[in-house]
Amino acid sequence: MITGLCSICGKATKTPHSCLSCGAIVCADHYDFTSGFCPRCRHRLKIVESRPASQSNLKIRR
């Protein structure tokens, strides 16, 4: 069984998710299943819209 601590809230999670941008381990509460990013990367990249299954669909405001 894989376990980890969420880098946002510190909560132990049995099924940690890894941010596709920075690799941070986050719990299901903080993982964005649509984009695959943690809240910090979503904010940093200013993601305004995303669709599941493909990072090429992400629209990033620059």
N, C-alpha and C. Protein backbone atom coordinates (compact mmCIF):
# COMPACT_ATOMS: atom_id res chain seq x y z
N MET A 1 0.84 -1.18 0.00
CA MET A 1 0.00 0.00 0.00
C MET A 1 0.89 1.25 0.00
N ILE A 2 0.61 2.15 -0.91
CA ILE A 2 1.37 3.39 -1.00
C ILE A 2 0.70 4.43 -0.10
N THR A 3 1.52 5.08 0.72
CA THR A 3 0.99 6.17 1.56
C THR A 3 1.90 7.37 1.42
N GLY A 4 1.39 8.51 1.79
CA GLY A 4 2.18 9.73 1.72
C GLY A 4 1.50 10.84 2.50
N LEU A 5 2.20 11.94 2.67
CA LEU A 5 1.65 13.12 3.33
C LEU A 5 1.40 14.19 2.29
N CYS A 6 0.24 14.79 2.35
CA CYS A 6 -0.12 15.87 1.43
C CYS A 6 0.81 17.06 1.70
N SER A 7 1.39 17.60 0.66
CA SER A 7 2.30 18.74 0.82
C SER A 7 1.55 20.05 1.08
N ILE A 8 0.23 20.04 0.95
CA ILE A 8 -0.58 21.23 1.21
C ILE A 8 -1.08 21.24 2.65
N CYS A 9 -1.75 20.14 3.07
CA CYS A 9 -2.36 20.13 4.41
C CYS A 9 -1.65 19.22 5.40
N GLY A 10 -0.75 18.36 4.93
CA GLY A 10 -0.02 17.47 5.82
C GLY A 10 -0.80 16.22 6.20
N LYS A 11 -1.99 16.04 5.64
CA LYS A 11 -2.81 14.88 5.94
C LYS A 11 -2.22 13.63 5.31
N ALA A 12 -2.22 12.53 6.08
CA ALA A 12 -1.75 11.25 5.54
C ALA A 12 -2.80 10.74 4.56
N THR A 13 -2.34 10.21 3.45
CA THR A 13 -3.25 9.69 2.44
C THR A 13 -2.78 8.33 1.96
N LYS A 14 -3.72 7.40 1.80
CA LYS A 14 -3.39 6.05 1.34
C LYS A 14 -3.18 6.02 -0.16
N THR A 15 -3.77 6.95 -0.87
CA THR A 15 -3.63 7.00 -2.33
C THR A 15 -3.18 8.40 -2.74
N PRO A 16 -1.92 8.71 -2.53
CA PRO A 16 -1.43 10.05 -2.87
C PRO A 16 -1.43 10.28 -4.38
N HIS A 17 -1.60 11.53 -4.74
CA HIS A 17 -1.55 11.93 -6.14
C HIS A 17 -0.33 12.82 -6.32
N SER A 18 0.29 12.75 -7.46
CA SER A 18 1.50 13.52 -7.73
C SER A 18 1.20 14.59 -8.79
N CYS A 19 1.54 15.83 -8.49
CA CYS A 19 1.32 16.93 -9.43
C CYS A 19 2.15 16.70 -10.69
N LEU A 20 1.52 16.88 -11.83
CA LEU A 20 2.22 16.68 -13.11
C LEU A 20 3.23 17.77 -13.40
N SER A 21 3.11 18.91 -12.72
CA SER A 21 4.03 20.01 -12.97
C SER A 21 5.24 19.97 -12.04
N CYS A 22 4.99 19.91 -10.73
CA CYS A 22 6.11 19.99 -9.77
C CYS A 22 6.42 18.68 -9.08
N GLY A 23 5.53 17.69 -9.19
CA GLY A 23 5.76 16.39 -8.57
C GLY A 23 5.36 16.31 -7.11
N ALA A 24 4.77 17.37 -6.57
CA ALA A 24 4.36 17.37 -5.16
C ALA A 24 3.32 16.29 -4.91
N ILE A 25 3.40 15.67 -3.74
CA ILE A 25 2.40 14.69 -3.33
C ILE A 25 1.26 15.44 -2.66
N VAL A 26 0.04 15.21 -3.13
CA VAL A 26 -1.13 15.87 -2.55
C VAL A 26 -2.25 14.86 -2.36
N CYS A 27 -3.14 15.15 -1.41
CA CYS A 27 -4.30 14.29 -1.15
C CYS A 27 -5.37 14.56 -2.20
N ALA A 28 -6.40 13.73 -2.20
CA ALA A 28 -7.49 13.88 -3.17
C ALA A 28 -8.21 15.21 -3.02
N ASP A 29 -8.23 15.75 -1.80
CA ASP A 29 -8.89 17.04 -1.57
C ASP A 29 -8.16 18.18 -2.28
N HIS A 30 -6.85 18.05 -2.48
CA HIS A 30 -6.08 19.13 -3.07
C HIS A 30 -5.60 18.85 -4.49
N TYR A 31 -5.83 17.66 -4.99
CA TYR A 31 -5.42 17.32 -6.35
C TYR A 31 -6.52 17.71 -7.33
N ASP A 32 -6.18 18.37 -8.39
CA ASP A 32 -7.15 18.72 -9.42
C ASP A 32 -7.13 17.60 -10.46
N PHE A 33 -8.16 16.76 -10.44
CA PHE A 33 -8.22 15.61 -11.33
C PHE A 33 -8.36 16.02 -12.80
N THR A 34 -8.85 17.19 -13.05
CA THR A 34 -9.02 17.66 -14.43
C THR A 34 -7.69 18.03 -15.06
N SER A 35 -6.87 18.80 -14.34
CA SER A 35 -5.61 19.27 -14.90
C SER A 35 -4.43 18.38 -14.51
N GLY A 36 -4.54 17.70 -13.35
CA GLY A 36 -3.42 16.89 -12.86
C GLY A 36 -2.44 17.71 -12.05
N PHE A 37 -2.81 18.93 -11.67
CA PHE A 37 -1.91 19.82 -10.94
C PHE A 37 -2.35 20.01 -9.50
N CYS A 38 -1.39 20.39 -8.67
CA CYS A 38 -1.69 20.78 -7.30
C CYS A 38 -2.18 22.23 -7.31
N PRO A 39 -2.78 22.71 -6.21
CA PRO A 39 -3.29 24.08 -6.19
C PRO A 39 -2.20 25.13 -6.43
N ARG A 40 -1.00 24.88 -5.93
CA ARG A 40 0.09 25.85 -6.12
C ARG A 40 0.43 26.02 -7.60
N CYS A 41 0.52 24.92 -8.33
CA CYS A 41 0.86 25.00 -9.75
C CYS A 41 -0.29 25.58 -10.57
N ARG A 42 -1.52 25.22 -10.20
CA ARG A 42 -2.67 25.83 -10.91
C ARG A 42 -2.63 27.34 -10.75
N HIS A 43 -2.33 27.80 -9.55
CA HIS A 43 -2.26 29.25 -9.31
C HIS A 43 -1.05 29.86 -10.04
N ARG A 44 0.11 29.20 -9.94
CA ARG A 44 1.33 29.71 -10.57
C ARG A 44 1.19 29.78 -12.08
N LEU A 45 0.56 28.77 -12.66
CA LEU A 45 0.41 28.73 -14.11
C LEU A 45 -0.83 29.47 -14.60
N LYS A 46 -1.64 29.96 -13.65
CA LYS A 46 -2.86 30.72 -13.98
C LYS A 46 -3.74 29.94 -14.95
N ILE A 47 -3.99 28.69 -14.61
CA ILE A 47 -4.84 27.85 -15.46
C ILE A 47 -6.28 28.32 -15.32
N VAL A 48 -6.87 28.64 -16.43
CA VAL A 48 -8.24 29.17 -16.42
C VAL A 48 -9.26 28.15 -16.91
N GLU A 49 -8.84 27.15 -17.66
CA GLU A 49 -9.76 26.12 -18.14
C GLU A 49 -8.94 24.89 -18.47
N SER A 50 -9.52 23.74 -18.21
CA SER A 50 -8.85 22.50 -18.59
C SER A 50 -9.88 21.43 -18.85
N ARG A 51 -9.48 20.44 -19.62
CA ARG A 51 -10.31 19.29 -19.90
C ARG A 51 -9.54 18.05 -19.51
N PRO A 52 -10.22 16.99 -19.08
CA PRO A 52 -9.53 15.79 -18.63
C PRO A 52 -8.74 15.07 -19.72
N ALA A 53 -7.78 14.29 -19.27
CA ALA A 53 -7.05 13.31 -20.08
C ALA A 53 -5.93 13.83 -20.96
N SER A 54 -5.78 15.10 -21.15
CA SER A 54 -4.70 15.56 -22.02
C SER A 54 -4.19 16.93 -21.59
N GLN A 55 -2.90 17.00 -21.30
CA GLN A 55 -2.34 18.29 -20.93
C GLN A 55 -2.32 19.25 -22.12
N SER A 56 -2.38 18.73 -23.32
CA SER A 56 -2.37 19.62 -24.48
C SER A 56 -3.64 20.45 -24.57
N ASN A 57 -4.67 20.06 -23.82
CA ASN A 57 -5.92 20.80 -23.81
C ASN A 57 -5.92 21.95 -22.82
N LEU A 58 -4.89 22.06 -22.00
CA LEU A 58 -4.85 23.11 -20.98
C LEU A 58 -4.70 24.47 -21.62
N LYS A 59 -5.46 25.42 -21.11
CA LYS A 59 -5.32 26.80 -21.58
C LYS A 59 -4.69 27.59 -20.46
N ILE A 60 -3.52 28.12 -20.72
CA ILE A 60 -2.76 28.84 -19.71
C ILE A 60 -2.70 30.31 -20.08
N ARG A 61 -3.12 31.14 -19.14
CA ARG A 61 -3.06 32.59 -19.35
C ARG A 61 -1.65 33.07 -19.08
N ARG A 62 -1.06 33.77 -19.99
CA ARG A 62 0.31 34.28 -19.81
C ARG A 62 0.31 35.77 -19.69
